[in-house]
Protein backbone atom coordinates (compact mmCIF):
# COMPACT_ATOMS: atom_id res chain seq x y z
CA UNK A 1 0.00 0.00 0.00
CA UNK A 2 1.38 3.40 -0.95
CA UNK A 3 2.14 6.05 1.63
CA UNK A 4 -0.71 8.24 0.37
CA UNK A 5 -3.21 5.38 0.75
CA UNK A 6 -1.88 4.60 4.24
CA UNK A 7 -2.24 8.24 5.23
CA UNK A 8 -5.77 8.42 3.88
CA UNK A 9 -6.86 5.17 5.51
CA UNK A 10 -5.16 6.13 8.78
CA UNK A 11 -6.97 9.47 8.76
CA UNK A 12 -10.33 7.83 8.10
CA UNK A 13 -9.81 5.24 10.84
CA UNK A 14 -8.59 7.90 13.29
CA UNK A 15 -11.60 10.09 12.52
CA UNK A 16 -13.94 7.14 13.07
CA UNK A 17 -12.28 6.31 16.41
CA UNK A 18 -12.53 9.96 17.45
CA UNK A 19 -16.23 10.05 16.55
CA UNK A 20 -16.78 6.92 18.64
CA UNK A 21 -15.00 8.51 21.62
CA UNK A 22 -17.12 11.64 21.21
CA UNK A 23 -20.31 9.55 21.03
CA UNK A 24 -19.23 7.74 24.20
CA UNK A 25 -19.76 11.04 26.00
CA UNK A 26 -23.35 11.28 24.83
CA UNK A 27 -24.41 7.96 26.26
CA UNK A 28 -23.99 6.86 29.86
CA UNK A 29 -25.01 3.33 28.95
CA UNK A 30 -22.87 2.70 25.87
CA UNK A 31 -19.73 4.62 26.83
CA UNK A 32 -17.53 1.59 27.55
CA UNK A 33 -18.91 -0.28 24.54
CA UNK A 34 -18.09 2.61 22.22
CA UNK A 35 -14.56 2.86 23.62
CA UNK A 36 -14.09 -0.88 22.94
CA UNK A 37 -15.34 -0.38 19.37
CA UNK A 38 -12.85 2.50 19.00
CA UNK A 39 -10.20 0.02 20.13
CA UNK A 40 -11.34 -2.35 17.37
CA UNK A 41 -10.75 0.46 14.89
CA UNK A 42 -7.16 0.51 16.13
CA UNK A 43 -6.92 -3.24 15.44
CA UNK A 44 -7.94 -2.55 11.85
CA UNK A 45 -5.16 0.04 11.79
CA UNK A 46 -2.58 -2.53 12.91
CA UNK A 47 -3.77 -5.07 10.32
CA UNK A 48 -4.02 -2.71 7.35
CA UNK A 49 -1.30 -0.15 8.10
CA UNK A 50 1.18 -1.77 10.46
CA UNK A 51 2.24 -1.02 14.02
CA UNK A 52 4.06 2.24 13.31
CA UNK A 53 1.06 3.81 11.58
CA UNK A 54 -1.29 2.48 14.26
CA UNK A 55 0.78 4.25 16.94
CA UNK A 56 0.55 7.47 14.93
CA UNK A 57 -3.25 6.96 14.73
CA UNK A 58 -3.38 6.32 18.48
CA UNK A 59 -1.42 9.51 19.22
CA UNK A 60 -3.60 11.57 16.87
CA UNK A 61 -6.87 10.22 18.28
CA UNK A 62 -5.74 10.68 21.87
CA UNK A 63 -4.49 14.24 21.36
CA UNK A 64 -7.56 15.29 19.40
CA UNK A 65 -9.85 13.66 21.96
CA UNK A 66 -8.10 15.62 24.72
CA UNK A 67 -9.07 18.78 22.88
CA UNK A 68 -12.56 17.83 21.69
CA UNK A 69 -14.08 15.32 24.11
CA UNK A 70 -15.69 17.02 27.12
CA UNK A 71 -16.03 14.06 29.50
CA UNK A 72 -12.72 12.44 30.31
CA UNK A 73 -13.69 8.97 31.62
CA UNK A 74 -13.98 7.23 28.20
CA UNK A 75 -10.90 9.09 27.02
CA UNK A 76 -8.89 7.88 30.02
CA UNK A 77 -9.86 4.26 29.28
CA UNK A 78 -8.86 4.70 25.66
CA UNK A 79 -5.65 6.59 26.29
CA UNK A 80 -4.36 4.46 29.15
CA UNK A 81 -5.13 1.03 27.77
CA UNK A 82 -7.65 0.29 25.02
CA UNK A 83 -6.10 2.58 22.43
CA UNK A 84 -2.63 1.08 22.38
CA UNK A 85 -3.58 -2.50 23.30
CA UNK A 86 -3.76 -3.55 19.62
CA UNK A 87 -0.05 -2.71 19.39
CA UNK A 88 0.70 -4.81 22.50
CA UNK A 89 -1.45 -7.68 21.25
CA UNK A 90 0.20 -7.72 17.83
CA UNK A 91 3.65 -7.86 19.44
CA UNK A 92 2.89 -10.48 22.07
CA UNK A 93 1.07 -12.82 19.72
CA UNK A 94 4.27 -13.24 17.73
CA UNK A 95 5.82 -15.03 20.71
CA UNK A 96 6.11 -18.79 20.40
CA UNK A 97 5.03 -19.53 23.96
CA UNK A 98 1.37 -18.83 24.75
CA UNK A 99 2.15 -18.58 28.48
CA UNK A 100 4.67 -15.76 27.92
CA UNK A 101 2.15 -14.02 25.70
CA UNK A 102 -0.50 -14.00 28.42
CA UNK A 103 1.94 -13.03 31.17
CA UNK A 104 2.96 -9.95 29.20
CA UNK A 105 -0.64 -9.08 28.27
CA UNK A 106 -1.84 -9.36 31.86
CA UNK A 107 1.18 -7.42 33.17
CA UNK A 108 0.48 -4.56 30.76
CA UNK A 109 -3.22 -4.66 31.59
CA UNK A 110 -2.70 -4.65 35.35
CA UNK A 111 -0.23 -1.78 35.14
CA UNK A 112 -2.75 0.18 33.06
CA UNK A 113 -5.57 -0.76 35.47
CA UNK A 114 -3.61 0.59 38.43
CA UNK A 115 -2.92 3.84 36.58
CA UNK A 116 -6.61 4.09 35.59
CA UNK A 117 -7.67 3.47 39.19
CA UNK A 118 -5.37 6.26 40.40
CA UNK A 119 -6.69 8.64 37.73
CA UNK A 120 -10.33 7.83 38.43
CA UNK A 121 -9.83 8.06 42.18
CA UNK A 122 -8.11 11.44 42.00
CA UNK A 123 -10.46 12.89 39.38
CA UNK A 124 -13.85 11.51 40.37
CA UNK A 125 -13.77 9.72 43.71
CA UNK A 126 -11.57 11.78 46.01
CA UNK A 127 -13.57 11.08 49.16
CA UNK A 128 -14.14 7.36 48.52
CA UNK A 129 -11.86 4.90 50.28
CA UNK A 130 -11.27 1.44 48.92
CA UNK A 131 -10.73 -1.41 51.33
CA UNK A 132 -8.22 -4.11 50.49
CA UNK A 133 -11.04 -6.56 49.85
CA UNK A 134 -12.73 -4.16 47.41
CA UNK A 135 -9.43 -3.69 45.57
CA UNK A 136 -8.90 -7.46 45.33
CA UNK A 137 -12.42 -8.00 44.01
CA UNK A 138 -11.90 -5.19 41.49
CA UNK A 139 -8.65 -6.76 40.26
CA UNK A 140 -10.23 -10.22 39.89
CA UNK A 141 -13.25 -8.89 37.99
CA UNK A 142 -11.10 -6.58 35.84
CA UNK A 143 -8.75 -9.43 34.89
CA UNK A 144 -11.70 -11.65 33.98
CA UNK A 145 -13.18 -8.91 31.82
CA UNK A 146 -9.79 -8.35 30.20
CA UNK A 147 -9.54 -12.04 29.33
CA UNK A 148 -13.01 -11.88 27.74
CA UNK A 149 -11.99 -8.71 25.86
CA UNK A 150 -8.84 -10.38 24.54
CA UNK A 151 -10.72 -13.48 23.38
CA UNK A 152 -13.46 -11.36 21.77
CA UNK A 153 -10.90 -9.22 19.96
CA UNK A 154 -9.10 -12.33 18.69
CA UNK A 155 -12.37 -13.65 17.28
CA UNK A 156 -13.32 -10.28 15.80
CA UNK A 157 -9.90 -9.99 14.17
CA UNK A 158 -10.32 -13.47 12.70
CA UNK A 159 -13.76 -12.54 11.38
CA UNK A 160 -12.36 -9.31 9.93
CA UNK A 161 -9.45 -11.10 8.25
CA UNK A 162 -11.49 -13.90 6.66
CA UNK A 163 -14.97 -12.43 6.09
CA UNK A 164 -14.86 -8.61 6.00
CA UNK A 165 -11.42 -7.78 4.62
CA UNK A 166 -11.75 -9.83 1.41
CA UNK A 167 -14.97 -7.94 0.60
CA UNK A 168 -13.46 -4.52 1.35
CA UNK A 169 -10.16 -4.93 -0.45
CA UNK A 170 -10.95 -6.92 -3.58
CA UNK A 171 -8.25 -6.97 -6.17
């Protein structure tokens, strides 16, 4: 794919992800779902453009969302984990050992989850105290949801590669 086509496709995908992040602010019910769909747009960026271009898309979407998106909660989820996770996933899935792949994925996720917790606590829940038991339950539930997210993204990527992509990019 030529550089001009990569730039055009990257711009379209970045604009779509930005629109999804903006729409996440309009709905209290679908905000997390729309952020996950924006993450899927980043997966398409990795597949079609490569990791370098996907990181440029991620930076553009994150910086533009900082300027344009009024509510920060969906943006924080995107910026601190879901936006760059396609890059992490594409790197780790090249490893030969599945156990090493999951150790790295969960380490990156848990580091991002701790940073998100600190951000959310300082921005939104200053007066709320978390007990150790609440933190442990949060970590267990969050890791389970992350595993479901990873499996779902793997299946969506497979569907994209074998069903959607051949129809979009016919030769």
